[in-house]
């Protein structure tokens, strides 16, 4: 019977960005473990902590800024785009109701949730390679789920110098007698961590998923 390898990103997680200038673009938005964010469905909330009490460039659906450090939960519906971990948010001119014009020094906190590309599964037969991509990262290469000769990658963040142990663990999951059917390899959801027992003690603390674009 084919073994299927199941993974789920570490969620919930948060990202904090302090605006270096008055721009609507937040670069390099990443979840726990540095995973790439490509879908707005992965974003649960955005909260802006104001740098001053003078910002009037906010949508009509929000309470007027009246104090330094005031927190405003802005609408995810005003996210203009989210691709390759770069988020662009509408200002109040683009969206008069839910837009918010960020000022230099505003602190933006993004909380991630389960969404598209946070949970995924591959048949073990689709694994075509494993490589050490950093001292504390091992990347699994799979045949694309679209089956068109491209590659999807799953990077596992772990303690330094544990590459060989990770490889041995994955090999044991696939070829051992202790598993069959669907095997949870890494599940970091709900502030907990569930691992295949073969990966215990290796300091697994992050998961980065990079599927072929266009799913």
C-alpha atoms as a PDB file:
ATOM      1  CA  UNK A   1       0.000   0.000   0.000  1.00  0.00           C
ATOM      2  CA  UNK A   2       1.294   3.456  -0.935  1.00  0.00           C
ATOM      3  CA  UNK A   3       2.459   5.673   1.925  1.00  0.00           C
ATOM      4  CA  UNK A   4       1.270   9.289   1.821  1.00  0.00           C
ATOM      5  CA  UNK A   5       3.270  12.005   3.577  1.00  0.00           C
ATOM      6  CA  UNK A   6       1.179  14.698   5.264  1.00  0.00           C
ATOM      7  CA  UNK A   7       2.527  18.119   6.319  1.00  0.00           C
ATOM      8  CA  UNK A   8       0.937  21.185   7.921  1.00  0.00           C
ATOM      9  CA  UNK A   9       2.606  24.550   8.546  1.00  0.00           C
ATOM     10  CA  UNK A  10       3.163  26.049  11.972  1.00  0.00           C
ATOM     11  CA  UNK A  11      -0.020  27.985  12.772  1.00  0.00           C
ATOM     12  CA  UNK A  12      -1.019  30.288  14.326  1.00  0.00           C
ATOM     13  CA  UNK A  13       2.030  32.485  13.898  1.00  0.00           C
ATOM     14  CA  UNK A  14       2.611  36.232  13.720  1.00  0.00           C
ATOM     15  CA  UNK A  15       4.800  38.718  11.876  1.00  0.00           C
ATOM     16  CA  UNK A  16       5.570  42.255  13.038  1.00  0.00           C
ATOM     17  CA  UNK A  17       6.595  44.984  10.583  1.00  0.00           C
ATOM     18  CA  UNK A  18       7.559  48.553  11.468  1.00  0.00           C
ATOM     19  CA  UNK A  19       7.019  50.802   8.474  1.00  0.00           C
ATOM     20  CA  UNK A  20      10.277  52.432   7.428  1.00  0.00           C
ATOM     21  CA  UNK A  21       8.427  54.873   5.205  1.00  0.00           C
ATOM     22  CA  UNK A  22       4.888  55.869   4.302  1.00  0.00           C
ATOM     23  CA  UNK A  23       4.208  52.969   1.926  1.00  0.00           C
ATOM     24  CA  UNK A  24       1.398  50.464   1.498  1.00  0.00           C
ATOM     25  CA  UNK A  25       3.829  47.667   0.640  1.00  0.00           C
ATOM     26  CA  UNK A  26       5.040  45.262   3.325  1.00  0.00           C
ATOM     27  CA  UNK A  27       7.947  43.221   2.033  1.00  0.00           C
ATOM     28  CA  UNK A  28       9.042  39.743   3.079  1.00  0.00           C
ATOM     29  CA  UNK A  29       6.006  38.775   5.112  1.00  0.00           C
ATOM     30  CA  UNK A  30       6.784  35.308   6.436  1.00  0.00           C
ATOM     31  CA  UNK A  31       5.212  32.809   8.747  1.00  0.00           C
ATOM     32  CA  UNK A  32       7.019  30.824  11.406  1.00  0.00           C
ATOM     33  CA  UNK A  33      10.021  29.067   9.905  1.00  0.00           C
ATOM     34  CA  UNK A  34      10.334  31.605   7.087  1.00  0.00           C
ATOM     35  CA  UNK A  35       7.681  30.076   4.859  1.00  0.00           C
ATOM     36  CA  UNK A  36       6.592  31.951   1.768  1.00  0.00           C
ATOM     37  CA  UNK A  37       3.120  33.521   1.880  1.00  0.00           C
ATOM     38  CA  UNK A  38       1.205  33.623  -1.402  1.00  0.00           C
ATOM     39  CA  UNK A  39      -2.440  33.574  -0.379  1.00  0.00           C
ATOM     40  CA  UNK A  40      -4.487  36.080   1.605  1.00  0.00           C
ATOM     41  CA  UNK A  41      -6.389  33.116   3.057  1.00  0.00           C
ATOM     42  CA  UNK A  42      -3.365  32.518   5.308  1.00  0.00           C
ATOM     43  CA  UNK A  43      -3.831  35.917   6.973  1.00  0.00           C
ATOM     44  CA  UNK A  44      -6.223  35.975   9.935  1.00  0.00           C
ATOM     45  CA  UNK A  45      -5.823  39.601  11.086  1.00  0.00           C
ATOM     46  CA  UNK A  46      -3.801  42.776  10.517  1.00  0.00           C
ATOM     47  CA  UNK A  47      -3.448  45.207  13.406  1.00  0.00           C
ATOM     48  CA  UNK A  48      -1.900  48.663  13.028  1.00  0.00           C
ATOM     49  CA  UNK A  49      -0.384  50.418  16.052  1.00  0.00           C
ATOM     50  CA  UNK A  50      -0.261  54.122  15.195  1.00  0.00           C
ATOM     51  CA  UNK A  51       2.970  56.080  15.452  1.00  0.00           C
ATOM     52  CA  UNK A  52       1.104  59.307  16.247  1.00  0.00           C
ATOM     53  CA  UNK A  53      -2.378  60.713  16.785  1.00  0.00           C
ATOM     54  CA  UNK A  54      -2.452  62.699  13.569  1.00  0.00           C
ATOM     55  CA  UNK A  55      -3.264  60.139  10.893  1.00  0.00           C
ATOM     56  CA  UNK A  56      -6.505  61.057   9.148  1.00  0.00           C
ATOM     57  CA  UNK A  57      -5.881  58.823   6.125  1.00  0.00           C
ATOM     58  CA  UNK A  58      -8.042  55.955   7.304  1.00  0.00           C
ATOM     59  CA  UNK A  59     -11.276  54.476   5.989  1.00  0.00           C
ATOM     60  CA  UNK A  60     -14.722  55.379   7.238  1.00  0.00           C
ATOM     61  CA  UNK A  61     -15.182  51.961   8.858  1.00  0.00           C
ATOM     62  CA  UNK A  62     -12.495  52.699  11.454  1.00  0.00           C
ATOM     63  CA  UNK A  63     -12.532  54.836  14.596  1.00  0.00           C
ATOM     64  CA  UNK A  64     -10.532  58.056  14.176  1.00  0.00           C
ATOM     65  CA  UNK A  65      -6.978  57.910  15.545  1.00  0.00           C
ATOM     66  CA  UNK A  66      -6.957  59.763  18.853  1.00  0.00           C
ATOM     67  CA  UNK A  67      -3.766  58.642  20.587  1.00  0.00           C
ATOM     68  CA  UNK A  68      -0.206  57.469  19.969  1.00  0.00           C
ATOM     69  CA  UNK A  69      -0.116  53.670  20.050  1.00  0.00           C
ATOM     70  CA  UNK A  70      -3.791  53.245  19.255  1.00  0.00           C
ATOM     71  CA  UNK A  71      -4.459  49.843  17.749  1.00  0.00           C
ATOM     72  CA  UNK A  72      -6.726  49.403  14.755  1.00  0.00           C
ATOM     73  CA  UNK A  73      -7.673  46.037  13.296  1.00  0.00           C
ATOM     74  CA  UNK A  74      -7.852  46.668   9.561  1.00  0.00           C
ATOM     75  CA  UNK A  75      -9.978  44.693   7.107  1.00  0.00           C
ATOM     76  CA  UNK A  76      -8.235  41.900   5.218  1.00  0.00           C
ATOM     77  CA  UNK A  77     -10.616  42.686   2.361  1.00  0.00           C
ATOM     78  CA  UNK A  78      -8.471  45.773   1.656  1.00  0.00           C
ATOM     79  CA  UNK A  79      -5.396  43.681   0.860  1.00  0.00           C
ATOM     80  CA  UNK A  80      -4.668  44.675  -2.712  1.00  0.00           C
ATOM     81  CA  UNK A  81      -2.299  41.794  -3.453  1.00  0.00           C
ATOM     82  CA  UNK A  82      -0.297  39.066  -1.728  1.00  0.00           C
ATOM     83  CA  UNK A  83       2.423  37.295  -3.681  1.00  0.00           C
ATOM     84  CA  UNK A  84       5.910  35.972  -2.938  1.00  0.00           C
ATOM     85  CA  UNK A  85       5.610  37.230   0.664  1.00  0.00           C
ATOM     86  CA  UNK A  86       4.976  40.818  -0.448  1.00  0.00           C
ATOM     87  CA  UNK A  87       1.714  42.349   0.774  1.00  0.00           C
ATOM     88  CA  UNK A  88       0.163  45.497  -0.699  1.00  0.00           C
ATOM     89  CA  UNK A  89      -2.660  47.140   1.242  1.00  0.00           C
ATOM     90  CA  UNK A  90      -5.142  49.694  -0.129  1.00  0.00           C
ATOM     91  CA  UNK A  91      -4.845  53.230   1.221  1.00  0.00           C
ATOM     92  CA  UNK A  92      -7.920  55.276   2.112  1.00  0.00           C
ATOM     93  CA  UNK A  93      -8.069  56.781  -1.382  1.00  0.00           C
ATOM     94  CA  UNK A  94      -8.178  53.372  -3.043  1.00  0.00           C
ATOM     95  CA  UNK A  95     -10.732  52.056  -0.564  1.00  0.00           C
ATOM     96  CA  UNK A  96     -12.591  54.813   1.275  1.00  0.00           C
ATOM     97  CA  UNK A  97     -14.273  52.382   3.679  1.00  0.00           C
ATOM     98  CA  UNK A  98     -11.628  49.778   4.574  1.00  0.00           C
ATOM     99  CA  UNK A  99      -8.434  51.398   3.293  1.00  0.00           C
ATOM    100  CA  UNK A 100      -5.782  52.621   5.731  1.00  0.00           C
ATOM    101  CA  UNK A 101      -2.840  54.852   4.820  1.00  0.00           C
ATOM    102  CA  UNK A 102       0.232  53.613   6.684  1.00  0.00           C
ATOM    103  CA  UNK A 103       2.656  56.157   8.117  1.00  0.00           C
ATOM    104  CA  UNK A 104       6.381  55.807   8.681  1.00  0.00           C
ATOM    105  CA  UNK A 105       6.784  54.259  12.126  1.00  0.00           C
ATOM    106  CA  UNK A 106       3.431  52.480  12.230  1.00  0.00           C
ATOM    107  CA  UNK A 107       3.755  48.945  13.597  1.00  0.00           C
ATOM    108  CA  UNK A 108       1.784  46.321  11.701  1.00  0.00           C
ATOM    109  CA  UNK A 109       1.157  42.901  13.249  1.00  0.00           C
ATOM    110  CA  UNK A 110      -0.040  40.106  11.002  1.00  0.00           C
ATOM    111  CA  UNK A 111      -1.455  36.886  12.448  1.00  0.00           C
ATOM    112  CA  UNK A 112      -1.462  33.820  10.219  1.00  0.00           C
ATOM    113  CA  UNK A 113      -3.989  31.028  10.186  1.00  0.00           C
ATOM    114  CA  UNK A 114      -4.709  27.879   8.229  1.00  0.00           C
ATOM    115  CA  UNK A 115      -5.393  28.714   4.594  1.00  0.00           C
ATOM    116  CA  UNK A 116      -4.493  27.688   1.069  1.00  0.00           C
ATOM    117  CA  UNK A 117      -1.046  26.064   0.864  1.00  0.00           C
ATOM    118  CA  UNK A 118      -0.793  25.462   4.612  1.00  0.00           C
ATOM    119  CA  UNK A 119      -1.685  21.756   4.519  1.00  0.00           C
ATOM    120  CA  UNK A 120      -0.492  19.340   1.851  1.00  0.00           C
ATOM    121  CA  UNK A 121       0.209  15.680   1.182  1.00  0.00           C
ATOM    122  CA  UNK A 122       2.344  13.730  -1.288  1.00  0.00           C
ATOM    123  CA  UNK A 123       2.635  10.052  -2.133  1.00  0.00           C
ATOM    124  CA  UNK A 124       6.019   8.768  -0.981  1.00  0.00           C
ATOM    125  CA  UNK A 125       6.719   7.645  -4.543  1.00  0.00           C
ATOM    126  CA  UNK A 126       6.767  11.332  -5.590  1.00  0.00           C
ATOM    127  CA  UNK A 127       9.854  12.057  -3.457  1.00  0.00           C
ATOM    128  CA  UNK A 128      12.737  12.519  -5.912  1.00  0.00           C
ATOM    129  CA  UNK A 129      15.446  14.057  -3.748  1.00  0.00           C
ATOM    130  CA  UNK A 130      16.611  15.385  -0.394  1.00  0.00           C
ATOM    131  CA  UNK A 131      19.281  18.024   0.121  1.00  0.00           C
ATOM    132  CA  UNK A 132      20.784  20.108   2.892  1.00  0.00           C
ATOM    133  CA  UNK A 133      19.852  23.677   1.938  1.00  0.00           C
ATOM    134  CA  UNK A 134      21.311  25.244   5.116  1.00  0.00           C
ATOM    135  CA  UNK A 135      23.062  24.040   8.263  1.00  0.00           C
ATOM    136  CA  UNK A 136      19.692  23.810   9.977  1.00  0.00           C
ATOM    137  CA  UNK A 137      17.456  23.076   6.988  1.00  0.00           C
ATOM    138  CA  UNK A 138      16.744  19.983   4.930  1.00  0.00           C
ATOM    139  CA  UNK A 139      14.641  20.229   1.761  1.00  0.00           C
ATOM    140  CA  UNK A 140      12.533  17.467   0.285  1.00  0.00           C
ATOM    141  CA  UNK A 141      11.925  17.598  -3.470  1.00  0.00           C
ATOM    142  CA  UNK A 142       8.699  16.134  -4.822  1.00  0.00           C
ATOM    143  CA  UNK A 143       7.256  15.675  -8.265  1.00  0.00           C
ATOM    144  CA  UNK A 144       4.733  18.471  -8.711  1.00  0.00           C
ATOM    145  CA  UNK A 145       1.165  17.757  -7.687  1.00  0.00           C
ATOM    146  CA  UNK A 146       0.281  19.022 -11.156  1.00  0.00           C
ATOM    147  CA  UNK A 147       2.366  16.162 -12.597  1.00  0.00           C
ATOM    148  CA  UNK A 148       3.983  18.291 -15.277  1.00  0.00           C
ATOM    149  CA  UNK A 149       7.713  17.613 -14.748  1.00  0.00           C
ATOM    150  CA  UNK A 150       8.257  20.487 -12.338  1.00  0.00           C
ATOM    151  CA  UNK A 151       9.231  20.274  -8.651  1.00  0.00           C
ATOM    152  CA  UNK A 152       7.502  21.158  -5.376  1.00  0.00           C
ATOM    153  CA  UNK A 153       9.744  21.588  -2.344  1.00  0.00           C
ATOM    154  CA  UNK A 154       9.189  21.169   1.388  1.00  0.00           C
ATOM    155  CA  UNK A 155      11.950  22.613   3.581  1.00  0.00           C
ATOM    156  CA  UNK A 156      12.210  21.389   7.165  1.00  0.00           C
ATOM    157  CA  UNK A 157      13.906  23.710   9.665  1.00  0.00           C
ATOM    158  CA  UNK A 158      15.658  21.867  12.480  1.00  0.00           C
ATOM    159  CA  UNK A 159      18.652  21.913  14.826  1.00  0.00           C
ATOM    160  CA  UNK A 160      22.007  22.516  13.140  1.00  0.00           C
ATOM    161  CA  UNK A 161      23.914  19.545  11.739  1.00  0.00           C
ATOM    162  CA  UNK A 162      20.896  17.213  11.858  1.00  0.00           C
ATOM    163  CA  UNK A 163      20.638  16.677   8.113  1.00  0.00           C
ATOM    164  CA  UNK A 164      21.639  13.025   8.201  1.00  0.00           C
ATOM    165  CA  UNK A 165      19.206  12.271  11.002  1.00  0.00           C
ATOM    166  CA  UNK A 166      16.383  13.978   9.079  1.00  0.00           C
ATOM    167  CA  UNK A 167      17.203  11.922   5.974  1.00  0.00           C
ATOM    168  CA  UNK A 168      17.316   8.726   8.013  1.00  0.00           C
ATOM    169  CA  UNK A 169      14.001   9.625   9.645  1.00  0.00           C
ATOM    170  CA  UNK A 170      12.248  10.277   6.333  1.00  0.00           C
ATOM    171  CA  UNK A 171      13.672   7.037   4.953  1.00  0.00           C
ATOM    172  CA  UNK A 172      12.345   5.137   7.969  1.00  0.00           C
ATOM    173  CA  UNK A 173       8.902   6.694   7.568  1.00  0.00           C
ATOM    174  CA  UNK A 174       8.733   5.616   3.936  1.00  0.00           C
ATOM    175  CA  UNK A 175      10.423   2.224   4.079  1.00  0.00           C
ATOM    176  CA  UNK A 176       9.861   1.059   7.658  1.00  0.00           C
ATOM    177  CA  UNK A 177       7.220  -1.346   8.845  1.00  0.00           C
ATOM    178  CA  UNK A 178       5.672   1.086  11.330  1.00  0.00           C
ATOM    179  CA  UNK A 179       3.678   3.143   8.856  1.00  0.00           C
ATOM    180  CA  UNK A 180       1.194   2.716   6.062  1.00  0.00           C
ATOM    181  CA  UNK A 181      -1.450   4.800   4.380  1.00  0.00           C
ATOM    182  CA  UNK A 182      -1.368   8.447   5.492  1.00  0.00           C
ATOM    183  CA  UNK A 183       1.529   9.395   7.793  1.00  0.00           C
ATOM    184  CA  UNK A 184       1.711  12.735   9.594  1.00  0.00           C
ATOM    185  CA  UNK A 185       5.315  13.810   9.082  1.00  0.00           C
ATOM    186  CA  UNK A 186       5.062  17.337  10.526  1.00  0.00           C
ATOM    187  CA  UNK A 187       1.949  19.072  11.849  1.00  0.00           C
ATOM    188  CA  UNK A 188       2.626  22.441  13.478  1.00  0.00           C
ATOM    189  CA  UNK A 189      -0.951  23.625  13.758  1.00  0.00           C
ATOM    190  CA  UNK A 190      -2.792  24.997  16.785  1.00  0.00           C
ATOM    191  CA  UNK A 191       0.351  26.006  18.677  1.00  0.00           C
ATOM    192  CA  UNK A 192       1.319  22.360  19.054  1.00  0.00           C
ATOM    193  CA  UNK A 193       3.666  20.074  17.183  1.00  0.00           C
ATOM    194  CA  UNK A 194       2.985  16.545  16.016  1.00  0.00           C
ATOM    195  CA  UNK A 195       5.890  14.680  14.432  1.00  0.00           C
ATOM    196  CA  UNK A 196       6.475  11.265  13.007  1.00  0.00           C
ATOM    197  CA  UNK A 197       8.372   9.571  15.833  1.00  0.00           C
ATOM    198  CA  UNK A 198      11.377   9.171  13.542  1.00  0.00           C
ATOM    199  CA  UNK A 199      11.874  12.958  13.646  1.00  0.00           C
ATOM    200  CA  UNK A 200      11.623  13.402  17.405  1.00  0.00           C
ATOM    201  CA  UNK A 201      14.554  15.080  19.138  1.00  0.00           C
ATOM    202  CA  UNK A 202      15.877  16.824  16.012  1.00  0.00           C
ATOM    203  CA  UNK A 203      14.632  20.309  16.893  1.00  0.00           C
ATOM    204  CA  UNK A 204      12.076  20.584  14.069  1.00  0.00           C
ATOM    205  CA  UNK A 205      10.697  24.120  14.386  1.00  0.00           C
ATOM    206  CA  UNK A 206       9.640  25.317  10.941  1.00  0.00           C
ATOM    207  CA  UNK A 207       8.208  24.253   7.605  1.00  0.00           C
ATOM    208  CA  UNK A 208       8.580  26.127   4.306  1.00  0.00           C
ATOM    209  CA  UNK A 209       6.365  25.047   1.413  1.00  0.00           C
ATOM    210  CA  UNK A 210       7.146  26.087  -2.153  1.00  0.00           C
ATOM    211  CA  UNK A 211       4.745  24.439  -4.608  1.00  0.00           C
ATOM    212  CA  UNK A 212       4.754  25.142  -8.295  1.00  0.00           C
ATOM    213  CA  UNK A 213       2.786  28.297  -8.993  1.00  0.00           C
ATOM    214  CA  UNK A 214      -0.682  28.078 -10.409  1.00  0.00           C
ATOM    215  CA  UNK A 215      -2.411  25.604  -8.133  1.00  0.00           C
END
